[in-house]
């Protein structure tokens, strides 16, 4: 496996839909001169269909995400660069796929097949050197989803976001794979408030470059 070096780190940002992952990933990449790896939501061939008919397309969508993020992590570790990633491979397996299964939107046969594939893939990759979790309540998520105006997100239900939030909190409470930083973003605006962004940067500096 590849070893983490001073000039080669994997930083990942996790959080629910609308928590601000992409915005913070972009801002931190520019500040630190890191390379950013984003979700390819606009190029995802299943996303529109999924939000129209979750039961029909849930397995296809989750397999697409799993494959995409597995390849992302392999590329990150091979690159020799410090890379910041928008969302992790673990969120698909511990939050989104189990949530779809729990809601009756992914058959047990498909879910078990998915879990076996994730177990194999996760055994072949290293976890992030630092995971940053963006904690947001549902009203904050709804506000940010509405403000970005993606057509395919118009049909997202409140109960769906609520279930995802519950699973995120359960996952983060058990996360032991590496360094973890939790940021409460309910009253933060990293794009338009320099003070909010500066606070995060100071925390990251201490975590990555501190003496201890």
N, C-alpha and C. Protein backbone atom coordinates (compact mmCIF):
# COMPACT_ATOMS: atom_id res chain seq x y z
N UNK A 1 0.84 -1.20 0.00
CA UNK A 1 0.00 0.00 0.00
C UNK A 1 0.87 1.25 0.00
N UNK A 2 0.28 2.36 -0.38
CA UNK A 2 1.01 3.62 -0.44
C UNK A 2 1.03 4.26 0.94
N UNK A 3 2.16 4.80 1.32
CA UNK A 3 2.28 5.46 2.61
C UNK A 3 1.97 6.93 2.48
N UNK A 4 1.35 7.50 3.53
CA UNK A 4 1.10 8.93 3.55
C UNK A 4 2.41 9.66 3.73
N UNK A 5 2.65 10.68 2.95
CA UNK A 5 3.85 11.50 3.07
C UNK A 5 3.42 12.93 3.29
N UNK A 6 4.38 13.75 3.68
CA UNK A 6 4.07 15.16 3.95
C UNK A 6 3.46 15.82 2.72
N UNK A 7 3.95 15.43 1.53
CA UNK A 7 3.44 16.06 0.31
C UNK A 7 2.43 15.16 -0.40
N UNK A 8 1.93 14.17 0.29
CA UNK A 8 0.97 13.25 -0.31
C UNK A 8 -0.05 12.83 0.74
N UNK A 9 -1.14 13.57 0.81
CA UNK A 9 -2.19 13.26 1.78
C UNK A 9 -3.54 13.15 1.08
N UNK A 10 -4.41 12.39 1.69
CA UNK A 10 -5.78 12.25 1.20
C UNK A 10 -6.70 12.86 2.24
N UNK A 11 -7.30 14.00 1.90
CA UNK A 11 -8.28 14.66 2.75
C UNK A 11 -9.65 14.41 2.13
N UNK A 12 -10.64 14.06 2.93
CA UNK A 12 -11.98 13.82 2.39
C UNK A 12 -13.02 14.60 3.19
N UNK A 13 -14.01 15.10 2.48
CA UNK A 13 -15.11 15.83 3.12
C UNK A 13 -16.39 15.02 2.94
N UNK A 14 -17.04 14.74 4.07
CA UNK A 14 -18.28 13.96 4.04
C UNK A 14 -19.43 14.79 4.60
N UNK A 15 -20.63 14.38 4.25
CA UNK A 15 -21.81 15.09 4.73
C UNK A 15 -23.01 14.82 3.85
N UNK A 16 -24.16 15.11 4.39
CA UNK A 16 -25.43 14.85 3.70
C UNK A 16 -25.56 15.72 2.44
N UNK A 17 -26.55 15.42 1.65
CA UNK A 17 -26.88 16.21 0.46
C UNK A 17 -27.19 17.64 0.91
N UNK A 18 -26.49 18.62 0.35
CA UNK A 18 -26.76 20.01 0.70
C UNK A 18 -25.98 20.53 1.89
N UNK A 19 -25.05 19.74 2.42
CA UNK A 19 -24.30 20.18 3.61
C UNK A 19 -23.17 21.15 3.27
N UNK A 20 -22.82 21.26 1.99
CA UNK A 20 -21.79 22.21 1.58
C UNK A 20 -20.44 21.57 1.27
N UNK A 21 -20.43 20.28 0.99
CA UNK A 21 -19.17 19.57 0.71
C UNK A 21 -18.41 20.15 -0.47
N UNK A 22 -19.12 20.35 -1.57
CA UNK A 22 -18.45 20.81 -2.79
C UNK A 22 -17.87 22.20 -2.60
N UNK A 23 -18.62 23.09 -1.95
CA UNK A 23 -18.14 24.45 -1.70
C UNK A 23 -16.87 24.44 -0.86
N UNK A 24 -16.89 23.69 0.24
CA UNK A 24 -15.72 23.67 1.12
C UNK A 24 -14.54 22.96 0.45
N UNK A 25 -14.81 21.91 -0.29
CA UNK A 25 -13.74 21.23 -1.03
C UNK A 25 -13.04 22.21 -1.96
N UNK A 26 -13.81 22.97 -2.68
CA UNK A 26 -13.27 23.94 -3.64
C UNK A 26 -12.45 25.02 -2.93
N UNK A 27 -12.98 25.55 -1.84
CA UNK A 27 -12.30 26.63 -1.12
C UNK A 27 -10.98 26.15 -0.49
N UNK A 28 -11.00 24.96 0.09
CA UNK A 28 -9.79 24.43 0.71
C UNK A 28 -8.74 24.06 -0.33
N UNK A 29 -9.19 23.54 -1.46
CA UNK A 29 -8.26 23.21 -2.54
C UNK A 29 -7.53 24.47 -3.02
N UNK A 30 -8.27 25.55 -3.15
CA UNK A 30 -7.65 26.81 -3.61
C UNK A 30 -6.70 27.37 -2.55
N UNK A 31 -7.09 27.29 -1.28
CA UNK A 31 -6.25 27.84 -0.21
C UNK A 31 -4.94 27.08 -0.08
N UNK A 32 -5.02 25.75 -0.05
CA UNK A 32 -3.84 24.93 0.20
C UNK A 32 -3.10 24.52 -1.08
N UNK A 33 -3.68 24.88 -2.24
CA UNK A 33 -3.13 24.44 -3.53
C UNK A 33 -3.19 22.92 -3.65
N UNK A 34 -4.24 22.34 -3.09
CA UNK A 34 -4.48 20.91 -3.22
C UNK A 34 -5.26 20.64 -4.50
N UNK A 35 -5.18 19.42 -4.97
CA UNK A 35 -6.00 19.01 -6.12
C UNK A 35 -7.34 18.52 -5.59
N UNK A 36 -8.42 18.94 -6.22
CA UNK A 36 -9.75 18.56 -5.77
C UNK A 36 -10.36 17.48 -6.66
N UNK A 37 -10.97 16.49 -6.04
CA UNK A 37 -11.72 15.46 -6.75
C UNK A 37 -13.18 15.58 -6.34
N UNK A 38 -14.03 15.89 -7.31
CA UNK A 38 -15.44 16.12 -7.02
C UNK A 38 -16.30 14.94 -7.48
N UNK A 39 -17.51 14.89 -6.91
CA UNK A 39 -18.51 13.96 -7.43
C UNK A 39 -18.87 14.38 -8.84
N UNK A 40 -19.04 13.41 -9.73
CA UNK A 40 -19.42 13.76 -11.11
C UNK A 40 -20.93 13.70 -11.28
N UNK A 41 -21.63 14.49 -10.47
CA UNK A 41 -23.10 14.45 -10.47
C UNK A 41 -23.69 14.79 -11.84
N UNK A 42 -23.10 15.77 -12.51
CA UNK A 42 -23.66 16.19 -13.80
C UNK A 42 -23.45 15.14 -14.88
N UNK A 43 -22.43 14.27 -14.70
CA UNK A 43 -22.15 13.25 -15.71
C UNK A 43 -22.71 11.89 -15.33
N UNK A 44 -23.34 11.81 -14.17
CA UNK A 44 -23.87 10.53 -13.70
C UNK A 44 -25.08 10.12 -14.54
N UNK A 45 -25.02 8.97 -15.23
CA UNK A 45 -26.10 8.60 -16.14
C UNK A 45 -27.35 8.07 -15.44
N UNK A 46 -27.30 7.90 -14.11
CA UNK A 46 -28.43 7.31 -13.39
C UNK A 46 -29.17 8.30 -12.49
N UNK A 47 -28.57 9.45 -12.21
CA UNK A 47 -29.11 10.31 -11.15
C UNK A 47 -30.52 10.80 -11.44
N UNK A 48 -30.76 11.30 -12.64
CA UNK A 48 -32.10 11.79 -12.98
C UNK A 48 -33.14 10.67 -12.89
N UNK A 49 -32.80 9.51 -13.44
CA UNK A 49 -33.72 8.37 -13.40
C UNK A 49 -33.97 7.94 -11.96
N UNK A 50 -32.93 7.97 -11.13
CA UNK A 50 -33.06 7.54 -9.74
C UNK A 50 -34.08 8.40 -9.00
N UNK A 51 -33.99 9.72 -9.15
CA UNK A 51 -34.91 10.58 -8.41
C UNK A 51 -36.34 10.49 -8.95
N UNK A 52 -36.48 10.02 -10.18
CA UNK A 52 -37.82 9.80 -10.74
C UNK A 52 -38.41 8.48 -10.26
N UNK A 53 -37.54 7.45 -10.11
CA UNK A 53 -38.03 6.12 -9.71
C UNK A 53 -36.92 5.44 -8.91
N UNK A 54 -36.89 5.72 -7.60
CA UNK A 54 -35.80 5.24 -6.75
C UNK A 54 -35.72 3.71 -6.71
N UNK A 55 -36.87 3.07 -6.66
CA UNK A 55 -36.86 1.61 -6.53
C UNK A 55 -36.23 0.94 -7.76
N UNK A 56 -36.54 1.46 -8.93
CA UNK A 56 -36.02 0.85 -10.16
C UNK A 56 -34.51 1.07 -10.31
N UNK A 57 -34.01 2.23 -9.90
CA UNK A 57 -32.64 2.60 -10.25
C UNK A 57 -31.68 2.64 -9.06
N UNK A 58 -32.13 2.27 -7.87
CA UNK A 58 -31.27 2.39 -6.69
C UNK A 58 -29.99 1.56 -6.80
N UNK A 59 -30.12 0.31 -7.20
CA UNK A 59 -28.94 -0.57 -7.28
C UNK A 59 -27.96 -0.06 -8.34
N UNK A 60 -28.50 0.30 -9.49
CA UNK A 60 -27.64 0.81 -10.58
C UNK A 60 -26.86 2.04 -10.13
N UNK A 61 -27.56 2.96 -9.46
CA UNK A 61 -26.92 4.20 -9.01
C UNK A 61 -25.82 3.91 -7.99
N UNK A 62 -26.10 3.05 -7.02
CA UNK A 62 -25.12 2.77 -5.98
C UNK A 62 -23.90 2.03 -6.52
N UNK A 63 -24.09 1.16 -7.47
CA UNK A 63 -22.95 0.47 -8.10
C UNK A 63 -22.10 1.48 -8.89
N UNK A 64 -22.77 2.40 -9.56
CA UNK A 64 -22.03 3.44 -10.29
C UNK A 64 -21.17 4.27 -9.34
N UNK A 65 -21.77 4.71 -8.22
CA UNK A 65 -21.01 5.50 -7.24
C UNK A 65 -19.86 4.70 -6.64
N UNK A 66 -20.12 3.44 -6.31
CA UNK A 66 -19.09 2.60 -5.70
C UNK A 66 -17.90 2.44 -6.64
N UNK A 67 -18.16 2.14 -7.88
CA UNK A 67 -17.10 2.00 -8.87
C UNK A 67 -16.34 3.31 -9.07
N UNK A 68 -17.08 4.40 -9.16
CA UNK A 68 -16.48 5.71 -9.38
C UNK A 68 -15.56 6.10 -8.24
N UNK A 69 -16.02 5.90 -7.01
CA UNK A 69 -15.21 6.31 -5.86
C UNK A 69 -14.05 5.36 -5.58
N UNK A 70 -14.22 4.10 -5.89
CA UNK A 70 -13.11 3.15 -5.77
C UNK A 70 -11.97 3.58 -6.68
N UNK A 71 -12.30 3.91 -7.91
CA UNK A 71 -11.27 4.35 -8.85
C UNK A 71 -10.66 5.69 -8.42
N UNK A 72 -11.49 6.56 -7.83
CA UNK A 72 -10.97 7.84 -7.32
C UNK A 72 -9.90 7.61 -6.26
N UNK A 73 -10.19 6.73 -5.30
CA UNK A 73 -9.24 6.49 -4.21
C UNK A 73 -7.95 5.86 -4.74
N UNK A 74 -8.05 4.95 -5.68
CA UNK A 74 -6.85 4.37 -6.27
C UNK A 74 -6.01 5.46 -6.94
N UNK A 75 -6.67 6.35 -7.67
CA UNK A 75 -5.96 7.45 -8.34
C UNK A 75 -5.31 8.39 -7.33
N UNK A 76 -6.02 8.67 -6.22
CA UNK A 76 -5.51 9.57 -5.20
C UNK A 76 -4.22 9.03 -4.61
N UNK A 77 -4.21 7.76 -4.26
CA UNK A 77 -3.03 7.16 -3.62
C UNK A 77 -1.87 7.00 -4.59
N UNK A 78 -2.16 6.85 -5.86
CA UNK A 78 -1.10 6.71 -6.86
C UNK A 78 -0.50 8.05 -7.26
N UNK A 79 -1.23 9.12 -7.02
CA UNK A 79 -0.85 10.43 -7.58
C UNK A 79 0.40 11.03 -6.96
N UNK A 80 0.66 10.71 -5.68
CA UNK A 80 1.79 11.34 -5.00
C UNK A 80 1.52 12.78 -4.62
N UNK A 81 0.25 13.22 -4.76
CA UNK A 81 -0.12 14.60 -4.43
C UNK A 81 -1.04 14.61 -3.20
N UNK A 82 -1.23 15.80 -2.63
CA UNK A 82 -2.28 15.94 -1.63
C UNK A 82 -3.57 16.28 -2.36
N UNK A 83 -4.57 15.45 -2.12
CA UNK A 83 -5.84 15.59 -2.83
C UNK A 83 -6.98 15.66 -1.82
N UNK A 84 -7.91 16.56 -2.07
CA UNK A 84 -9.11 16.67 -1.24
C UNK A 84 -10.29 16.15 -2.03
N UNK A 85 -11.05 15.25 -1.42
CA UNK A 85 -12.11 14.52 -2.11
C UNK A 85 -13.49 14.91 -1.57
N UNK A 86 -14.39 15.16 -2.48
CA UNK A 86 -15.78 15.47 -2.15
C UNK A 86 -16.56 14.16 -2.03
N UNK A 87 -16.81 13.74 -0.78
CA UNK A 87 -17.52 12.51 -0.40
C UNK A 87 -16.61 11.28 -0.53
N UNK A 88 -16.89 10.28 0.32
CA UNK A 88 -16.04 9.09 0.42
C UNK A 88 -16.77 7.83 -0.04
N UNK A 89 -16.00 6.80 -0.23
CA UNK A 89 -16.57 5.50 -0.61
C UNK A 89 -17.41 4.91 0.53
N UNK A 90 -17.09 5.32 1.77
CA UNK A 90 -17.79 4.75 2.94
C UNK A 90 -19.22 5.24 3.06
N UNK A 91 -19.47 6.46 2.60
CA UNK A 91 -20.82 7.01 2.72
C UNK A 91 -21.83 6.24 1.88
N UNK A 92 -21.40 5.79 0.71
CA UNK A 92 -22.28 4.99 -0.13
C UNK A 92 -22.68 3.70 0.59
N UNK A 93 -21.69 3.06 1.22
CA UNK A 93 -21.92 1.74 1.81
C UNK A 93 -22.60 1.79 3.17
N UNK A 94 -22.31 2.84 3.96
CA UNK A 94 -22.85 2.89 5.32
C UNK A 94 -24.07 3.79 5.46
N UNK A 95 -24.35 4.60 4.45
CA UNK A 95 -25.47 5.53 4.56
C UNK A 95 -26.48 5.34 3.43
N UNK A 96 -26.05 5.56 2.20
CA UNK A 96 -27.01 5.63 1.10
C UNK A 96 -27.60 4.26 0.73
N UNK A 97 -26.75 3.27 0.55
CA UNK A 97 -27.27 1.94 0.20
C UNK A 97 -28.13 1.34 1.33
N UNK A 98 -27.66 1.35 2.61
CA UNK A 98 -28.52 0.82 3.68
C UNK A 98 -29.83 1.60 3.83
N UNK A 99 -29.78 2.90 3.58
CA UNK A 99 -31.00 3.70 3.68
C UNK A 99 -32.02 3.28 2.61
N UNK A 100 -31.54 3.07 1.40
CA UNK A 100 -32.44 2.63 0.33
C UNK A 100 -33.01 1.26 0.64
N UNK A 101 -32.18 0.38 1.17
CA UNK A 101 -32.65 -0.96 1.55
C UNK A 101 -33.68 -0.87 2.68
N UNK A 102 -33.38 -0.02 3.67
CA UNK A 102 -34.29 0.14 4.81
C UNK A 102 -35.64 0.72 4.43
N UNK A 103 -35.64 1.55 3.38
CA UNK A 103 -36.89 2.16 2.91
C UNK A 103 -37.65 1.26 1.93
N UNK A 104 -37.10 0.08 1.68
CA UNK A 104 -37.74 -0.83 0.73
C UNK A 104 -37.51 -0.45 -0.72
N UNK A 105 -36.49 0.37 -0.96
CA UNK A 105 -36.21 0.85 -2.31
C UNK A 105 -35.05 0.10 -2.98
N UNK A 106 -34.41 -0.82 -2.24
CA UNK A 106 -33.41 -1.70 -2.83
C UNK A 106 -33.67 -3.12 -2.29
N UNK A 107 -33.91 -4.08 -3.17
CA UNK A 107 -34.19 -5.45 -2.72
C UNK A 107 -33.02 -6.03 -1.93
N UNK A 108 -33.34 -6.91 -0.97
CA UNK A 108 -32.30 -7.51 -0.12
C UNK A 108 -31.24 -8.22 -0.96
N UNK A 109 -31.64 -8.89 -2.01
CA UNK A 109 -30.68 -9.59 -2.87
C UNK A 109 -29.66 -8.62 -3.45
N UNK A 110 -30.13 -7.48 -3.94
CA UNK A 110 -29.22 -6.47 -4.50
C UNK A 110 -28.34 -5.87 -3.41
N UNK A 111 -28.94 -5.59 -2.25
CA UNK A 111 -28.19 -4.98 -1.15
C UNK A 111 -27.06 -5.88 -0.68
N UNK A 112 -27.34 -7.18 -0.53
CA UNK A 112 -26.30 -8.11 -0.09
C UNK A 112 -25.20 -8.23 -1.13
N UNK A 113 -25.55 -8.22 -2.39
CA UNK A 113 -24.57 -8.24 -3.48
C UNK A 113 -23.69 -6.99 -3.41
N UNK A 114 -24.32 -5.85 -3.20
CA UNK A 114 -23.61 -4.58 -3.09
C UNK A 114 -22.63 -4.61 -1.91
N UNK A 115 -23.08 -5.10 -0.76
CA UNK A 115 -22.24 -5.13 0.43
C UNK A 115 -21.01 -6.01 0.24
N UNK A 116 -21.15 -7.12 -0.44
CA UNK A 116 -20.01 -7.99 -0.71
C UNK A 116 -19.00 -7.29 -1.60
N UNK A 117 -19.51 -6.57 -2.58
CA UNK A 117 -18.61 -5.84 -3.49
C UNK A 117 -17.88 -4.73 -2.75
N UNK A 118 -18.60 -4.00 -1.88
CA UNK A 118 -17.97 -2.95 -1.09
C UNK A 118 -16.90 -3.52 -0.17
N UNK A 119 -17.18 -4.64 0.47
CA UNK A 119 -16.22 -5.25 1.39
C UNK A 119 -14.92 -5.57 0.67
N UNK A 120 -15.02 -6.10 -0.54
CA UNK A 120 -13.83 -6.40 -1.33
C UNK A 120 -13.08 -5.12 -1.70
N UNK A 121 -13.81 -4.13 -2.21
CA UNK A 121 -13.18 -2.88 -2.65
C UNK A 121 -12.52 -2.14 -1.48
N UNK A 122 -13.22 -2.07 -0.35
CA UNK A 122 -12.69 -1.32 0.79
C UNK A 122 -11.44 -1.98 1.37
N UNK A 123 -11.28 -3.28 1.17
CA UNK A 123 -10.09 -3.97 1.65
C UNK A 123 -8.86 -3.64 0.80
N UNK A 124 -9.08 -3.06 -0.36
CA UNK A 124 -7.99 -2.76 -1.30
C UNK A 124 -7.57 -1.30 -1.29
N UNK A 125 -8.22 -0.46 -0.47
CA UNK A 125 -7.88 0.97 -0.44
C UNK A 125 -7.62 1.44 0.99
N UNK A 126 -6.83 2.49 1.11
CA UNK A 126 -6.58 3.10 2.42
C UNK A 126 -7.65 4.16 2.71
N UNK A 127 -8.00 4.33 3.98
CA UNK A 127 -8.93 5.41 4.34
C UNK A 127 -8.24 6.76 4.23
N UNK A 128 -9.00 7.86 4.27
CA UNK A 128 -8.39 9.20 4.20
C UNK A 128 -7.47 9.45 5.39
N UNK A 129 -6.47 10.30 5.18
CA UNK A 129 -5.60 10.72 6.28
C UNK A 129 -6.36 11.64 7.23
N UNK A 130 -7.32 12.37 6.69
CA UNK A 130 -8.19 13.21 7.51
C UNK A 130 -9.58 13.22 6.89
N UNK A 131 -10.59 12.89 7.70
CA UNK A 131 -11.99 12.97 7.27
C UNK A 131 -12.63 14.16 7.96
N UNK A 132 -13.23 15.05 7.17
CA UNK A 132 -13.94 16.22 7.69
C UNK A 132 -15.43 15.98 7.47
N UNK A 133 -16.18 15.92 8.57
CA UNK A 133 -17.62 15.69 8.49
C UNK A 133 -18.38 16.99 8.72
N UNK A 134 -19.25 17.34 7.77
CA UNK A 134 -20.06 18.55 7.87
C UNK A 134 -21.42 18.19 8.46
N UNK A 135 -21.64 18.61 9.69
CA UNK A 135 -22.89 18.31 10.40
C UNK A 135 -23.89 19.44 10.16
N UNK A 136 -25.04 19.12 9.58
CA UNK A 136 -26.07 20.14 9.29
C UNK A 136 -27.44 19.58 9.63
N UNK A 137 -28.34 20.45 10.13
CA UNK A 137 -29.70 20.00 10.36
C UNK A 137 -30.50 20.05 9.06
N UNK A 138 -31.68 19.46 9.08
CA UNK A 138 -32.46 19.33 7.84
C UNK A 138 -32.86 20.69 7.25
N UNK A 139 -33.32 21.67 8.07
CA UNK A 139 -33.63 22.99 7.46
C UNK A 139 -32.44 23.60 6.71
N UNK A 140 -31.23 23.44 7.23
CA UNK A 140 -30.03 23.95 6.55
C UNK A 140 -29.81 23.22 5.23
N UNK A 141 -29.99 21.91 5.24
CA UNK A 141 -29.85 21.12 4.01
C UNK A 141 -30.85 21.57 2.96
N UNK A 142 -32.10 21.73 3.38
CA UNK A 142 -33.16 22.14 2.44
C UNK A 142 -32.85 23.51 1.85
N UNK A 143 -32.43 24.43 2.70
CA UNK A 143 -32.09 25.78 2.25
C UNK A 143 -31.01 25.76 1.18
N UNK A 144 -29.99 24.95 1.40
CA UNK A 144 -28.86 24.93 0.45
C UNK A 144 -29.20 24.15 -0.81
N UNK A 145 -30.03 23.12 -0.68
CA UNK A 145 -30.46 22.39 -1.87
C UNK A 145 -31.30 23.30 -2.77
N UNK A 146 -32.20 24.06 -2.15
CA UNK A 146 -33.06 24.96 -2.93
C UNK A 146 -32.23 26.07 -3.59
N UNK A 147 -31.22 26.56 -2.88
CA UNK A 147 -30.46 27.70 -3.40
C UNK A 147 -29.61 27.31 -4.61
N UNK A 148 -29.21 26.03 -4.71
CA UNK A 148 -28.39 25.66 -5.86
C UNK A 148 -29.22 25.24 -7.07
N UNK A 149 -30.50 24.93 -6.85
CA UNK A 149 -31.44 24.79 -7.95
C UNK A 149 -31.19 23.70 -8.96
N UNK A 150 -30.76 22.53 -8.50
CA UNK A 150 -30.60 21.40 -9.42
C UNK A 150 -31.96 20.74 -9.64
N UNK A 151 -32.35 20.62 -10.90
CA UNK A 151 -33.69 20.11 -11.22
C UNK A 151 -33.94 18.74 -10.61
N UNK A 152 -32.94 17.84 -10.69
CA UNK A 152 -33.17 16.47 -10.24
C UNK A 152 -33.31 16.37 -8.72
N UNK A 153 -32.96 17.44 -7.99
CA UNK A 153 -33.09 17.42 -6.54
C UNK A 153 -34.43 17.98 -6.04
N UNK A 154 -35.25 18.46 -6.97
CA UNK A 154 -36.53 19.06 -6.58
C UNK A 154 -37.47 18.08 -5.91
N UNK A 155 -37.28 16.77 -6.20
CA UNK A 155 -38.20 15.76 -5.67
C UNK A 155 -37.69 15.11 -4.38
N UNK A 156 -36.54 15.56 -3.87
CA UNK A 156 -36.02 14.97 -2.62
C UNK A 156 -36.99 15.29 -1.48
N UNK A 157 -37.34 14.27 -0.71
CA UNK A 157 -38.31 14.44 0.37
C UNK A 157 -37.60 14.73 1.69
N UNK A 158 -38.30 15.43 2.56
CA UNK A 158 -37.76 15.77 3.88
C UNK A 158 -37.44 14.50 4.68
N UNK A 159 -38.32 13.52 4.60
CA UNK A 159 -38.08 12.30 5.38
C UNK A 159 -36.86 11.55 4.87
N UNK A 160 -36.57 11.67 3.58
CA UNK A 160 -35.38 11.04 3.00
C UNK A 160 -34.12 11.70 3.57
N UNK A 161 -34.09 13.03 3.61
CA UNK A 161 -32.95 13.76 4.19
C UNK A 161 -32.79 13.45 5.67
N UNK A 162 -33.92 13.34 6.38
CA UNK A 162 -33.89 13.05 7.81
C UNK A 162 -33.29 11.68 8.08
N UNK A 163 -33.70 10.69 7.30
CA UNK A 163 -33.15 9.34 7.46
C UNK A 163 -31.65 9.33 7.17
N UNK A 164 -31.24 10.05 6.14
CA UNK A 164 -29.82 10.11 5.81
C UNK A 164 -29.03 10.75 6.95
N UNK A 165 -29.57 11.83 7.52
CA UNK A 165 -28.89 12.49 8.63
C UNK A 165 -28.70 11.54 9.81
N UNK A 166 -29.72 10.77 10.11
CA UNK A 166 -29.63 9.81 11.22
C UNK A 166 -28.54 8.78 10.95
N UNK A 167 -28.45 8.32 9.72
CA UNK A 167 -27.42 7.33 9.38
C UNK A 167 -26.02 7.95 9.38
N UNK A 168 -25.93 9.20 8.94
CA UNK A 168 -24.63 9.89 9.00
C UNK A 168 -24.13 9.97 10.44
N UNK A 169 -25.01 10.37 11.35
CA UNK A 169 -24.61 10.52 12.74
C UNK A 169 -24.20 9.17 13.34
N UNK A 170 -24.91 8.11 12.99
CA UNK A 170 -24.56 6.77 13.48
C UNK A 170 -23.20 6.34 12.95
N UNK A 171 -22.95 6.60 11.68
CA UNK A 171 -21.67 6.23 11.06
C UNK A 171 -20.51 7.00 11.68
N UNK A 172 -20.68 8.31 11.83
CA UNK A 172 -19.60 9.14 12.37
C UNK A 172 -19.29 8.77 13.82
N UNK A 173 -20.31 8.40 14.57
CA UNK A 173 -20.09 8.03 15.97
C UNK A 173 -19.25 6.77 16.11
N UNK A 174 -19.20 5.96 15.04
CA UNK A 174 -18.44 4.70 15.06
C UNK A 174 -17.15 4.78 14.24
N UNK A 175 -16.90 5.91 13.60
CA UNK A 175 -15.77 6.01 12.66
C UNK A 175 -14.44 5.94 13.41
N UNK A 176 -13.61 4.96 13.04
CA UNK A 176 -12.32 4.76 13.71
C UNK A 176 -11.19 4.53 12.71
N UNK A 177 -11.40 4.83 11.45
CA UNK A 177 -10.42 4.49 10.42
C UNK A 177 -9.25 5.47 10.34
N UNK A 178 -9.40 6.65 10.92
CA UNK A 178 -8.33 7.65 10.86
C UNK A 178 -8.75 8.92 11.57
N UNK A 179 -8.01 10.00 11.32
CA UNK A 179 -8.32 11.28 11.95
C UNK A 179 -9.68 11.78 11.48
N UNK A 180 -10.43 12.34 12.42
CA UNK A 180 -11.78 12.83 12.12
C UNK A 180 -11.95 14.24 12.67
N UNK A 181 -12.49 15.13 11.86
CA UNK A 181 -12.83 16.48 12.29
C UNK A 181 -14.32 16.72 12.00
N UNK A 182 -15.07 17.11 13.02
CA UNK A 182 -16.51 17.37 12.85
C UNK A 182 -16.76 18.87 12.88
N UNK A 183 -17.40 19.39 11.85
CA UNK A 183 -17.72 20.80 11.76
C UNK A 183 -19.24 20.99 11.74
N UNK A 184 -19.75 21.75 12.71
CA UNK A 184 -21.17 22.09 12.70
C UNK A 184 -21.36 23.29 11.76
N UNK A 185 -22.08 23.07 10.67
CA UNK A 185 -22.17 24.10 9.62
C UNK A 185 -23.51 24.83 9.60
N UNK A 186 -24.34 24.62 10.60
CA UNK A 186 -25.68 25.24 10.57
C UNK A 186 -25.64 26.76 10.48
N UNK A 187 -24.68 27.38 11.17
CA UNK A 187 -24.60 28.84 11.15
C UNK A 187 -23.33 29.33 10.47
N UNK A 188 -22.80 28.51 9.54
CA UNK A 188 -21.57 28.88 8.84
C UNK A 188 -21.83 29.16 7.37
N UNK A 189 -21.03 30.06 6.82
CA UNK A 189 -21.09 30.36 5.39
C UNK A 189 -19.65 30.50 4.90
N UNK A 190 -19.09 29.39 4.47
CA UNK A 190 -17.67 29.38 4.10
C UNK A 190 -17.38 30.17 2.84
N UNK A 191 -18.36 30.26 1.96
CA UNK A 191 -18.13 30.97 0.70
C UNK A 191 -18.09 32.50 0.89
N UNK A 192 -18.99 33.03 1.71
CA UNK A 192 -19.14 34.48 1.80
C UNK A 192 -18.68 35.09 3.11
N UNK A 193 -18.29 34.24 4.07
CA UNK A 193 -17.81 34.76 5.35
C UNK A 193 -16.38 34.30 5.59
N UNK A 194 -15.39 35.16 5.33
CA UNK A 194 -13.97 34.78 5.47
C UNK A 194 -13.63 34.28 6.87
N UNK A 195 -14.31 34.82 7.88
CA UNK A 195 -14.03 34.39 9.26
C UNK A 195 -14.36 32.91 9.46
N UNK A 196 -15.50 32.48 8.91
CA UNK A 196 -15.89 31.07 9.02
C UNK A 196 -14.85 30.17 8.35
N UNK A 197 -14.41 30.56 7.16
CA UNK A 197 -13.43 29.75 6.45
C UNK A 197 -12.10 29.73 7.19
N UNK A 198 -11.71 30.87 7.73
CA UNK A 198 -10.45 30.97 8.47
C UNK A 198 -10.43 30.04 9.68
N UNK A 199 -11.56 29.92 10.36
CA UNK A 199 -11.66 29.02 11.51
C UNK A 199 -11.38 27.57 11.11
N UNK A 200 -11.93 27.17 9.98
CA UNK A 200 -11.73 25.81 9.49
C UNK A 200 -10.26 25.59 9.12
N UNK A 201 -9.69 26.56 8.43
CA UNK A 201 -8.30 26.45 8.02
C UNK A 201 -7.37 26.32 9.23
N UNK A 202 -7.64 27.08 10.28
CA UNK A 202 -6.83 26.98 11.50
C UNK A 202 -6.92 25.59 12.11
N UNK A 203 -8.13 25.02 12.10
CA UNK A 203 -8.31 23.67 12.66
C UNK A 203 -7.56 22.63 11.82
N UNK A 204 -7.62 22.77 10.52
CA UNK A 204 -6.93 21.83 9.64
C UNK A 204 -5.41 21.96 9.80
N UNK A 205 -4.93 23.19 9.89
CA UNK A 205 -3.49 23.40 10.10
C UNK A 205 -3.04 22.68 11.36
N UNK A 206 -3.81 22.82 12.44
CA UNK A 206 -3.45 22.18 13.71
C UNK A 206 -3.47 20.67 13.59
N UNK A 207 -4.44 20.15 12.85
CA UNK A 207 -4.59 18.70 12.70
C UNK A 207 -3.49 18.10 11.85
N UNK A 208 -3.18 18.76 10.74
CA UNK A 208 -2.23 18.19 9.78
C UNK A 208 -0.79 18.58 10.05
N UNK A 209 -0.59 19.80 10.56
CA UNK A 209 0.77 20.32 10.66
C UNK A 209 1.18 20.69 12.08
N UNK A 210 0.31 20.38 13.06
CA UNK A 210 0.63 20.69 14.45
C UNK A 210 1.79 19.85 14.96
N UNK A 211 2.33 20.24 16.09
CA UNK A 211 3.50 19.55 16.66
C UNK A 211 3.11 18.15 17.11
N UNK A 212 1.93 18.02 17.70
CA UNK A 212 1.54 16.72 18.26
C UNK A 212 0.49 16.06 17.38
